[in-house]
Full PDB file with SEQRES, HELIX, SHEET, SSBOND, CRYST1, ORIGX, SCALE, CONECT and MASTER records, all heavy atoms in Angstrom:
SEQRES   1 A   34  LYS THR ILE PHE GLN PRO GLN PHE THR ALA THR ASN ALA          
SEQRES   2 A   34  PRO LYS LEU THR ILE GLU LYS ILE ALA LEU SER ASP THR          
SEQRES   3 A   34  ALA THR GLN VAL PHE PHE LYS TYR                              
SHEET    1 AA1 3 THR A   2  PHE A   4  0                                        
SHEET    2 AA1 3 THR A  17  LEU A  23 -1                                        
SHEET    3 AA1 3 THR A  28  LYS A  33 -1                                        
CRYST1    1.000    1.000    1.000  90.00  90.00  90.00 P 1           1          
ORIGX1      1.000000  0.000000  0.000000        0.00000                         
ORIGX2      0.000000  1.000000  0.000000        0.00000                         
ORIGX3      0.000000  0.000000  1.000000        0.00000                         
SCALE1      1.000000  0.000000  0.000000        0.00000                         
SCALE2      0.000000  1.000000  0.000000        0.00000                         
SCALE3      0.000000  0.000000  1.000000        0.00000                         
ATOM      1  N   LYS A   1     -40.615 -21.863 -22.256  1.00  0.00           N  
ATOM      2  CA  LYS A   1     -40.627 -22.136 -23.655  1.00  0.00           C  
ATOM      3  C   LYS A   1     -41.304 -23.455 -23.833  1.00  0.00           C  
ATOM      4  O   LYS A   1     -41.083 -24.369 -23.093  1.00  0.00           O  
ATOM      5  CB  LYS A   1     -39.194 -22.271 -24.192  1.00  0.00           C  
ATOM      6  CG  LYS A   1     -39.110 -22.669 -25.574  1.00  0.00           C  
ATOM      7  CD  LYS A   1     -37.694 -22.749 -26.124  1.00  0.00           C  
ATOM      8  CE  LYS A   1     -37.549 -23.163 -27.519  1.00  0.00           C  
ATOM      9  NZ  LYS A   1     -36.149 -23.391 -27.899  1.00  0.00           N  
ATOM     10  N   THR A   2     -42.320 -23.498 -24.861  1.00  0.00           N  
ATOM     11  CA  THR A   2     -43.008 -24.703 -25.147  1.00  0.00           C  
ATOM     12  C   THR A   2     -42.895 -25.218 -26.439  1.00  0.00           C  
ATOM     13  O   THR A   2     -42.986 -24.424 -27.368  1.00  0.00           O  
ATOM     14  CB  THR A   2     -44.516 -24.502 -24.757  1.00  0.00           C  
ATOM     15  OG1 THR A   2     -44.725 -24.077 -23.478  1.00  0.00           O  
ATOM     16  CG2 THR A   2     -45.389 -25.848 -24.922  1.00  0.00           C  
ATOM     17  N   ILE A   3     -42.565 -26.469 -26.624  1.00  0.00           N  
ATOM     18  CA  ILE A   3     -42.294 -27.067 -27.928  1.00  0.00           C  
ATOM     19  C   ILE A   3     -43.430 -28.121 -28.128  1.00  0.00           C  
ATOM     20  O   ILE A   3     -43.585 -29.020 -27.352  1.00  0.00           O  
ATOM     21  CB  ILE A   3     -40.978 -27.786 -28.100  1.00  0.00           C  
ATOM     22  CG1 ILE A   3     -39.818 -26.792 -27.874  1.00  0.00           C  
ATOM     23  CG2 ILE A   3     -40.828 -28.322 -29.495  1.00  0.00           C  
ATOM     24  CD1 ILE A   3     -39.237 -26.848 -26.522  1.00  0.00           C  
ATOM     25  N   PHE A   4     -44.317 -27.875 -29.166  1.00  0.00           N  
ATOM     26  CA  PHE A   4     -45.463 -28.625 -29.421  1.00  0.00           C  
ATOM     27  C   PHE A   4     -44.971 -29.762 -30.482  1.00  0.00           C  
ATOM     28  O   PHE A   4     -44.337 -29.476 -31.525  1.00  0.00           O  
ATOM     29  CB  PHE A   4     -46.661 -27.930 -29.986  1.00  0.00           C  
ATOM     30  CG  PHE A   4     -47.205 -27.075 -28.917  1.00  0.00           C  
ATOM     31  CD1 PHE A   4     -46.746 -25.698 -28.846  1.00  0.00           C  
ATOM     32  CD2 PHE A   4     -48.131 -27.536 -28.049  1.00  0.00           C  
ATOM     33  CE1 PHE A   4     -47.266 -24.858 -27.930  1.00  0.00           C  
ATOM     34  CE2 PHE A   4     -48.704 -26.679 -27.076  1.00  0.00           C  
ATOM     35  CZ  PHE A   4     -48.267 -25.344 -27.105  1.00  0.00           C  
ATOM     36  N   GLN A   5     -45.391 -30.988 -30.211  1.00  0.00           N  
ATOM     37  CA  GLN A   5     -45.045 -32.250 -31.035  1.00  0.00           C  
ATOM     38  C   GLN A   5     -43.639 -32.128 -31.575  1.00  0.00           C  
ATOM     39  O   GLN A   5     -43.399 -32.017 -32.801  1.00  0.00           O  
ATOM     40  CB  GLN A   5     -46.057 -32.224 -32.196  1.00  0.00           C  
ATOM     41  CG  GLN A   5     -47.482 -32.566 -31.599  1.00  0.00           C  
ATOM     42  CD  GLN A   5     -48.581 -32.531 -32.720  1.00  0.00           C  
ATOM     43  OE1 GLN A   5     -48.388 -31.852 -33.719  1.00  0.00           O  
ATOM     44  NE2 GLN A   5     -49.649 -33.232 -32.467  1.00  0.00           N  
ATOM     45  N   PRO A   6     -42.722 -32.212 -30.692  1.00  0.00           N  
ATOM     46  CA  PRO A   6     -41.313 -32.096 -31.149  1.00  0.00           C  
ATOM     47  C   PRO A   6     -40.900 -33.285 -31.939  1.00  0.00           C  
ATOM     48  O   PRO A   6     -41.392 -34.389 -31.870  1.00  0.00           O  
ATOM     49  CB  PRO A   6     -40.556 -32.101 -29.771  1.00  0.00           C  
ATOM     50  CG  PRO A   6     -41.420 -32.944 -28.810  1.00  0.00           C  
ATOM     51  CD  PRO A   6     -42.837 -32.448 -29.260  1.00  0.00           C  
ATOM     52  N   GLN A   7     -40.009 -32.885 -32.871  1.00  0.00           N  
ATOM     53  CA  GLN A   7     -39.489 -33.933 -33.865  1.00  0.00           C  
ATOM     54  C   GLN A   7     -38.418 -34.773 -33.048  1.00  0.00           C  
ATOM     55  O   GLN A   7     -37.794 -34.223 -32.091  1.00  0.00           O  
ATOM     56  CB  GLN A   7     -38.822 -33.343 -35.061  1.00  0.00           C  
ATOM     57  CG  GLN A   7     -39.797 -32.631 -35.869  1.00  0.00           C  
ATOM     58  CD  GLN A   7     -39.148 -31.853 -36.975  1.00  0.00           C  
ATOM     59  OE1 GLN A   7     -38.048 -31.611 -37.172  1.00  0.00           O  
ATOM     60  NE2 GLN A   7     -40.055 -31.536 -38.062  1.00  0.00           N  
ATOM     61  N   PHE A   8     -38.181 -35.997 -33.526  1.00  0.00           N  
ATOM     62  CA  PHE A   8     -37.140 -36.790 -32.850  1.00  0.00           C  
ATOM     63  C   PHE A   8     -36.523 -37.659 -33.915  1.00  0.00           C  
ATOM     64  O   PHE A   8     -37.077 -37.911 -34.940  1.00  0.00           O  
ATOM     65  CB  PHE A   8     -37.696 -37.754 -31.699  1.00  0.00           C  
ATOM     66  CG  PHE A   8     -38.849 -38.620 -32.139  1.00  0.00           C  
ATOM     67  CD1 PHE A   8     -38.634 -39.859 -32.554  1.00  0.00           C  
ATOM     68  CD2 PHE A   8     -40.165 -38.207 -32.199  1.00  0.00           C  
ATOM     69  CE1 PHE A   8     -39.526 -40.675 -33.082  1.00  0.00           C  
ATOM     70  CE2 PHE A   8     -41.153 -38.948 -32.593  1.00  0.00           C  
ATOM     71  CZ  PHE A   8     -40.900 -40.285 -32.952  1.00  0.00           C  
ATOM     72  N   THR A   9     -35.345 -38.275 -33.545  1.00  0.00           N  
ATOM     73  CA  THR A   9     -34.697 -39.162 -34.505  1.00  0.00           C  
ATOM     74  C   THR A   9     -35.070 -40.550 -34.497  1.00  0.00           C  
ATOM     75  O   THR A   9     -35.229 -41.218 -35.500  1.00  0.00           O  
ATOM     76  CB  THR A   9     -33.188 -39.021 -34.242  1.00  0.00           C  
ATOM     77  OG1 THR A   9     -32.817 -37.553 -34.482  1.00  0.00           O  
ATOM     78  CG2 THR A   9     -32.321 -39.811 -35.305  1.00  0.00           C  
ATOM     79  N   ALA A  10     -35.281 -41.116 -33.267  1.00  0.00           N  
ATOM     80  CA  ALA A  10     -35.470 -42.541 -33.213  1.00  0.00           C  
ATOM     81  C   ALA A  10     -36.279 -42.839 -31.855  1.00  0.00           C  
ATOM     82  O   ALA A  10     -36.202 -42.134 -30.941  1.00  0.00           O  
ATOM     83  CB  ALA A  10     -34.281 -43.323 -33.181  1.00  0.00           C  
ATOM     84  N   THR A  11     -37.099 -43.958 -31.899  1.00  0.00           N  
ATOM     85  CA  THR A  11     -37.795 -44.433 -30.829  1.00  0.00           C  
ATOM     86  C   THR A  11     -38.006 -45.941 -30.888  1.00  0.00           C  
ATOM     87  O   THR A  11     -38.009 -46.491 -31.992  1.00  0.00           O  
ATOM     88  CB  THR A  11     -39.153 -43.819 -30.658  1.00  0.00           C  
ATOM     89  OG1 THR A  11     -39.698 -44.170 -29.408  1.00  0.00           O  
ATOM     90  CG2 THR A  11     -40.124 -44.099 -31.798  1.00  0.00           C  
ATOM     91  N   ASN A  12     -38.130 -46.549 -29.754  1.00  0.00           N  
ATOM     92  CA  ASN A  12     -38.448 -48.052 -29.690  1.00  0.00           C  
ATOM     93  C   ASN A  12     -39.862 -48.177 -29.299  1.00  0.00           C  
ATOM     94  O   ASN A  12     -40.377 -49.297 -28.803  1.00  0.00           O  
ATOM     95  CB  ASN A  12     -37.529 -48.812 -28.870  1.00  0.00           C  
ATOM     96  CG  ASN A  12     -37.629 -48.560 -27.358  1.00  0.00           C  
ATOM     97  OD1 ASN A  12     -38.260 -47.487 -27.069  1.00  0.00           O  
ATOM     98  ND2 ASN A  12     -37.070 -49.288 -26.609  1.00  0.00           N  
ATOM     99  N   ALA A  13     -40.606 -47.007 -29.155  1.00  0.00           N  
ATOM    100  CA  ALA A  13     -42.014 -46.951 -28.553  1.00  0.00           C  
ATOM    101  C   ALA A  13     -42.960 -46.257 -29.405  1.00  0.00           C  
ATOM    102  O   ALA A  13     -43.296 -45.055 -29.291  1.00  0.00           O  
ATOM    103  CB  ALA A  13     -41.911 -46.292 -27.171  1.00  0.00           C  
ATOM    104  N   PRO A  14     -43.442 -46.934 -30.438  1.00  0.00           N  
ATOM    105  CA  PRO A  14     -44.346 -46.206 -31.469  1.00  0.00           C  
ATOM    106  C   PRO A  14     -45.684 -45.840 -30.861  1.00  0.00           C  
ATOM    107  O   PRO A  14     -46.259 -44.942 -31.365  1.00  0.00           O  
ATOM    108  CB  PRO A  14     -44.445 -47.227 -32.624  1.00  0.00           C  
ATOM    109  CG  PRO A  14     -44.121 -48.596 -32.050  1.00  0.00           C  
ATOM    110  CD  PRO A  14     -43.184 -48.331 -30.940  1.00  0.00           C  
ATOM    111  N   LYS A  15     -46.061 -46.522 -29.724  1.00  0.00           N  
ATOM    112  CA  LYS A  15     -47.356 -46.210 -29.081  1.00  0.00           C  
ATOM    113  C   LYS A  15     -47.254 -45.000 -28.123  1.00  0.00           C  
ATOM    114  O   LYS A  15     -48.191 -44.479 -27.678  1.00  0.00           O  
ATOM    115  CB  LYS A  15     -47.777 -47.408 -28.264  1.00  0.00           C  
ATOM    116  CG  LYS A  15     -48.167 -48.523 -29.093  1.00  0.00           C  
ATOM    117  CD  LYS A  15     -48.646 -49.700 -28.285  1.00  0.00           C  
ATOM    118  CE  LYS A  15     -48.967 -50.899 -29.190  1.00  0.00           C  
ATOM    119  NZ  LYS A  15     -49.530 -52.064 -28.346  1.00  0.00           N  
ATOM    120  N   LEU A  16     -45.953 -44.565 -27.814  1.00  0.00           N  
ATOM    121  CA  LEU A  16     -45.733 -43.465 -26.935  1.00  0.00           C  
ATOM    122  C   LEU A  16     -45.264 -42.245 -27.757  1.00  0.00           C  
ATOM    123  O   LEU A  16     -44.312 -42.262 -28.435  1.00  0.00           O  
ATOM    124  CB  LEU A  16     -44.762 -43.886 -25.903  1.00  0.00           C  
ATOM    125  CG  LEU A  16     -44.289 -42.833 -24.892  1.00  0.00           C  
ATOM    126  CD1 LEU A  16     -45.531 -42.728 -23.775  1.00  0.00           C  
ATOM    127  CD2 LEU A  16     -43.058 -43.139 -24.156  1.00  0.00           C  
ATOM    128  N   THR A  17     -46.105 -41.080 -27.681  1.00  0.00           N  
ATOM    129  CA  THR A  17     -45.703 -39.937 -28.342  1.00  0.00           C  
ATOM    130  C   THR A  17     -45.502 -38.909 -27.398  1.00  0.00           C  
ATOM    131  O   THR A  17     -46.109 -38.812 -26.265  1.00  0.00           O  
ATOM    132  CB  THR A  17     -46.754 -39.507 -29.442  1.00  0.00           C  
ATOM    133  OG1 THR A  17     -48.076 -39.327 -28.714  1.00  0.00           O  
ATOM    134  CG2 THR A  17     -47.006 -40.557 -30.432  1.00  0.00           C  
ATOM    135  N   ILE A  18     -44.714 -37.831 -27.831  1.00  0.00           N  
ATOM    136  CA  ILE A  18     -44.559 -36.700 -26.898  1.00  0.00           C  
ATOM    137  C   ILE A  18     -45.354 -35.510 -27.469  1.00  0.00           C  
ATOM    138  O   ILE A  18     -45.177 -35.130 -28.546  1.00  0.00           O  
ATOM    139  CB  ILE A  18     -43.054 -36.236 -26.856  1.00  0.00           C  
ATOM    140  CG1 ILE A  18     -42.270 -37.412 -26.178  1.00  0.00           C  
ATOM    141  CG2 ILE A  18     -42.912 -34.962 -26.033  1.00  0.00           C  
ATOM    142  CD1 ILE A  18     -40.759 -37.175 -26.097  1.00  0.00           C  
ATOM    143  N   GLU A  19     -46.329 -35.046 -26.744  1.00  0.00           N  
ATOM    144  CA  GLU A  19     -47.288 -34.063 -27.315  1.00  0.00           C  
ATOM    145  C   GLU A  19     -46.664 -32.631 -27.175  1.00  0.00           C  
ATOM    146  O   GLU A  19     -46.861 -31.779 -28.075  1.00  0.00           O  
ATOM    147  CB  GLU A  19     -48.526 -34.051 -26.499  1.00  0.00           C  
ATOM    148  CG  GLU A  19     -49.376 -35.326 -26.676  1.00  0.00           C  
ATOM    149  CD  GLU A  19     -49.829 -35.570 -28.135  1.00  0.00           C  
ATOM    150  OE1 GLU A  19     -50.617 -34.729 -28.584  1.00  0.00           O  
ATOM    151  OE2 GLU A  19     -49.334 -36.479 -28.671  1.00  0.00           O  
ATOM    152  N   LYS A  20     -45.997 -32.441 -26.063  1.00  0.00           N  
ATOM    153  CA  LYS A  20     -45.240 -31.119 -25.889  1.00  0.00           C  
ATOM    154  C   LYS A  20     -44.320 -31.221 -24.835  1.00  0.00           C  
ATOM    155  O   LYS A  20     -44.331 -32.113 -23.897  1.00  0.00           O  
ATOM    156  CB  LYS A  20     -46.279 -29.992 -25.638  1.00  0.00           C  
ATOM    157  CG  LYS A  20     -46.936 -29.993 -24.311  1.00  0.00           C  
ATOM    158  CD  LYS A  20     -47.894 -28.813 -24.162  1.00  0.00           C  
ATOM    159  CE  LYS A  20     -48.695 -28.838 -22.875  1.00  0.00           C  
ATOM    160  NZ  LYS A  20     -49.454 -27.638 -22.623  1.00  0.00           N  
ATOM    161  N   ILE A  21     -43.395 -30.225 -24.805  1.00  0.00           N  
ATOM    162  CA  ILE A  21     -42.287 -30.050 -23.713  1.00  0.00           C  
ATOM    163  C   ILE A  21     -42.324 -28.673 -23.261  1.00  0.00           C  
ATOM    164  O   ILE A  21     -42.210 -27.758 -24.109  1.00  0.00           O  
ATOM    165  CB  ILE A  21     -40.969 -30.476 -24.229  1.00  0.00           C  
ATOM    166  CG1 ILE A  21     -40.801 -31.968 -24.816  1.00  0.00           C  
ATOM    167  CG2 ILE A  21     -39.838 -30.323 -23.162  1.00  0.00           C  
ATOM    168  CD1 ILE A  21     -39.549 -32.382 -25.521  1.00  0.00           C  
ATOM    169  N   ALA A  22     -42.453 -28.479 -21.997  1.00  0.00           N  
ATOM    170  CA  ALA A  22     -42.360 -27.146 -21.405  1.00  0.00           C  
ATOM    171  C   ALA A  22     -41.058 -26.982 -20.654  1.00  0.00           C  
ATOM    172  O   ALA A  22     -40.791 -27.760 -19.726  1.00  0.00           O  
ATOM    173  CB  ALA A  22     -43.636 -26.919 -20.382  1.00  0.00           C  
ATOM    174  N   LEU A  23     -40.285 -26.081 -21.134  1.00  0.00           N  
ATOM    175  CA  LEU A  23     -38.978 -25.692 -20.490  1.00  0.00           C  
ATOM    176  C   LEU A  23     -39.059 -24.467 -19.675  1.00  0.00           C  
ATOM    177  O   LEU A  23     -39.511 -23.464 -20.166  1.00  0.00           O  
ATOM    178  CB  LEU A  23     -37.915 -25.602 -21.570  1.00  0.00           C  
ATOM    179  CG  LEU A  23     -37.678 -26.710 -22.526  1.00  0.00           C  
ATOM    180  CD1 LEU A  23     -36.844 -26.255 -23.734  1.00  0.00           C  
ATOM    181  CD2 LEU A  23     -37.281 -27.931 -21.835  1.00  0.00           C  
ATOM    182  N   SER A  24     -38.521 -24.408 -18.495  1.00  0.00           N  
ATOM    183  CA  SER A  24     -38.379 -23.387 -17.690  1.00  0.00           C  
ATOM    184  C   SER A  24     -37.069 -23.346 -17.039  1.00  0.00           C  
ATOM    185  O   SER A  24     -36.317 -24.276 -17.084  1.00  0.00           O  
ATOM    186  CB  SER A  24     -39.542 -23.036 -16.718  1.00  0.00           C  
ATOM    187  OG  SER A  24     -39.383 -24.092 -15.574  1.00  0.00           O  
ATOM    188  N   ASP A  25     -36.737 -22.293 -16.311  1.00  0.00           N  
ATOM    189  CA  ASP A  25     -35.418 -22.340 -15.550  1.00  0.00           C  
ATOM    190  C   ASP A  25     -35.468 -23.077 -14.331  1.00  0.00           C  
ATOM    191  O   ASP A  25     -34.462 -23.295 -13.660  1.00  0.00           O  
ATOM    192  CB  ASP A  25     -34.963 -20.858 -15.185  1.00  0.00           C  
ATOM    193  CG  ASP A  25     -36.003 -20.023 -14.499  1.00  0.00           C  
ATOM    194  OD1 ASP A  25     -37.169 -20.600 -14.316  1.00  0.00           O  
ATOM    195  OD2 ASP A  25     -35.627 -18.993 -14.066  1.00  0.00           O  
ATOM    196  N   THR A  26     -36.613 -23.692 -13.894  1.00  0.00           N  
ATOM    197  CA  THR A  26     -36.695 -24.388 -12.720  1.00  0.00           C  
ATOM    198  C   THR A  26     -37.059 -25.906 -12.963  1.00  0.00           C  
ATOM    199  O   THR A  26     -36.881 -26.805 -12.158  1.00  0.00           O  
ATOM    200  CB  THR A  26     -37.805 -23.930 -11.757  1.00  0.00           C  
ATOM    201  OG1 THR A  26     -39.096 -23.784 -12.559  1.00  0.00           O  
ATOM    202  CG2 THR A  26     -37.432 -22.407 -11.276  1.00  0.00           C  
ATOM    203  N   ALA A  27     -37.732 -26.232 -14.198  1.00  0.00           N  
ATOM    204  CA  ALA A  27     -38.124 -27.531 -14.446  1.00  0.00           C  
ATOM    205  C   ALA A  27     -38.247 -27.843 -15.912  1.00  0.00           C  
ATOM    206  O   ALA A  27     -38.394 -26.889 -16.729  1.00  0.00           O  
ATOM    207  CB  ALA A  27     -39.435 -27.923 -13.729  1.00  0.00           C  
ATOM    208  N   THR A  28     -38.306 -29.100 -16.289  1.00  0.00           N  
ATOM    209  CA  THR A  28     -38.659 -29.518 -17.572  1.00  0.00           C  
ATOM    210  C   THR A  28     -39.837 -30.425 -17.458  1.00  0.00           C  
ATOM    211  O   THR A  28     -39.808 -31.431 -16.656  1.00  0.00           O  
ATOM    212  CB  THR A  28     -37.447 -30.273 -18.291  1.00  0.00           C  
ATOM    213  OG1 THR A  28     -36.419 -29.468 -18.290  1.00  0.00           O  
ATOM    214  CG2 THR A  28     -37.825 -30.802 -19.640  1.00  0.00           C  
ATOM    215  N   GLN A  29     -40.949 -30.203 -18.256  1.00  0.00           N  
ATOM    216  CA  GLN A  29     -42.134 -30.954 -18.085  1.00  0.00           C  
ATOM    217  C   GLN A  29     -42.312 -31.546 -19.555  1.00  0.00           C  
ATOM    218  O   GLN A  29     -42.464 -30.855 -20.534  1.00  0.00           O  
ATOM    219  CB  GLN A  29     -43.412 -30.280 -17.566  1.00  0.00           C  
ATOM    220  CG  GLN A  29     -44.420 -31.142 -17.288  1.00  0.00           C  
ATOM    221  CD  GLN A  29     -45.522 -30.447 -16.478  1.00  0.00           C  
ATOM    222  OE1 GLN A  29     -45.537 -29.203 -16.417  1.00  0.00           O  
ATOM    223  NE2 GLN A  29     -46.356 -31.165 -15.969  1.00  0.00           N  
ATOM    224  N   VAL A  30     -42.552 -32.969 -19.591  1.00  0.00           N  
ATOM    225  CA  VAL A  30     -42.778 -33.686 -20.865  1.00  0.00           C  
ATOM    226  C   VAL A  30     -44.223 -34.161 -20.736  1.00  0.00           C  
ATOM    227  O   VAL A  30     -44.497 -34.844 -19.929  1.00  0.00           O  
ATOM    228  CB  VAL A  30     -41.652 -34.750 -20.999  1.00  0.00           C  
ATOM    229  CG1 VAL A  30     -42.025 -35.435 -22.405  1.00  0.00           C  
ATOM    230  CG2 VAL A  30     -40.295 -34.215 -20.915  1.00  0.00           C  
ATOM    231  N   PHE A  31     -45.019 -33.866 -21.800  1.00  0.00           N  
ATOM    232  CA  PHE A  31     -46.358 -34.286 -21.898  1.00  0.00           C  
ATOM    233  C   PHE A  31     -46.467 -35.476 -22.905  1.00  0.00           C  
ATOM    234  O   PHE A  31     -46.106 -35.273 -24.064  1.00  0.00           O  
ATOM    235  CB  PHE A  31     -47.317 -33.162 -22.387  1.00  0.00           C  
ATOM    236  CG  PHE A  31     -47.372 -32.024 -21.249  1.00  0.00           C  
ATOM    237  CD1 PHE A  31     -46.363 -31.052 -21.245  1.00  0.00           C  
ATOM    238  CD2 PHE A  31     -48.428 -31.992 -20.384  1.00  0.00           C  
ATOM    239  CE1 PHE A  31     -46.367 -30.137 -20.260  1.00  0.00           C  
ATOM    240  CE2 PHE A  31     -48.476 -31.044 -19.419  1.00  0.00           C  
ATOM    241  CZ  PHE A  31     -47.419 -30.021 -19.372  1.00  0.00           C  
ATOM    242  N   PHE A  32     -46.934 -36.675 -22.473  1.00  0.00           N  
ATOM    243  CA  PHE A  32     -47.001 -37.818 -23.171  1.00  0.00           C  
ATOM    244  C   PHE A  32     -48.406 -38.250 -23.561  1.00  0.00           C  
ATOM    245  O   PHE A  32     -49.374 -37.807 -22.923  1.00  0.00           O  
ATOM    246  CB  PHE A  32     -46.403 -39.075 -22.419  1.00  0.00           C  
ATOM    247  CG  PHE A  32     -44.852 -38.878 -22.146  1.00  0.00           C  
ATOM    248  CD1 PHE A  32     -44.494 -38.339 -20.985  1.00  0.00           C  
ATOM    249  CD2 PHE A  32     -43.996 -39.271 -23.049  1.00  0.00           C  
ATOM    250  CE1 PHE A  32     -43.146 -38.369 -20.591  1.00  0.00           C  
ATOM    251  CE2 PHE A  32     -42.606 -39.240 -22.805  1.00  0.00           C  
ATOM    252  CZ  PHE A  32     -42.195 -38.787 -21.498  1.00  0.00           C  
ATOM    253  N   LYS A  33     -48.488 -39.007 -24.662  1.00  0.00           N  
ATOM    254  CA  LYS A  33     -49.780 -39.679 -25.004  1.00  0.00           C  
ATOM    255  C   LYS A  33     -49.364 -41.104 -25.309  1.00  0.00           C  
ATOM    256  O   LYS A  33     -48.583 -41.415 -26.174  1.00  0.00           O  
ATOM    257  CB  LYS A  33     -50.465 -38.952 -26.165  1.00  0.00           C  
ATOM    258  CG  LYS A  33     -51.737 -39.799 -26.580  1.00  0.00           C  
ATOM    259  CD  LYS A  33     -52.737 -38.998 -27.442  1.00  0.00           C  
ATOM    260  CE  LYS A  33     -52.172 -38.613 -28.759  1.00  0.00           C  
ATOM    261  NZ  LYS A  33     -53.178 -38.081 -29.722  1.00  0.00           N  
ATOM    262  N   TYR A  34     -50.065 -42.090 -24.748  1.00  0.00           N  
ATOM    263  CA  TYR A  34     -49.870 -43.467 -25.038  1.00  0.00           C  
ATOM    264  C   TYR A  34     -51.177 -43.893 -25.699  1.00  0.00           C  
ATOM    265  O   TYR A  34     -52.155 -43.747 -25.212  1.00  0.00           O  
ATOM    266  CB  TYR A  34     -49.621 -44.298 -23.766  1.00  0.00           C  
ATOM    267  CG  TYR A  34     -49.315 -45.790 -23.995  1.00  0.00           C  
ATOM    268  CD1 TYR A  34     -48.003 -46.090 -24.272  1.00  0.00           C  
ATOM    269  CD2 TYR A  34     -50.292 -46.649 -23.950  1.00  0.00           C  
ATOM    270  CE1 TYR A  34     -47.652 -47.477 -24.498  1.00  0.00           C  
ATOM    271  CE2 TYR A  34     -50.029 -47.977 -24.257  1.00  0.00           C  
ATOM    272  CZ  TYR A  34     -48.712 -48.396 -24.459  1.00  0.00           C  
ATOM    273  OH  TYR A  34     -48.445 -49.702 -24.722  1.00  0.00           O  
TER     274      TYR A  34                                                      
MASTER        0    0    0    0    3    0    0    6  273    1    0    3          
END                                                                             
């Protein structure tokens, strides 16, 4: 399952964004952009 540009409630890192999250039964991969 892939979630593109997931919403979030709070961050202390405005320069760091999460582009997508890939979920599988073996791993979770988070794709960032700084």
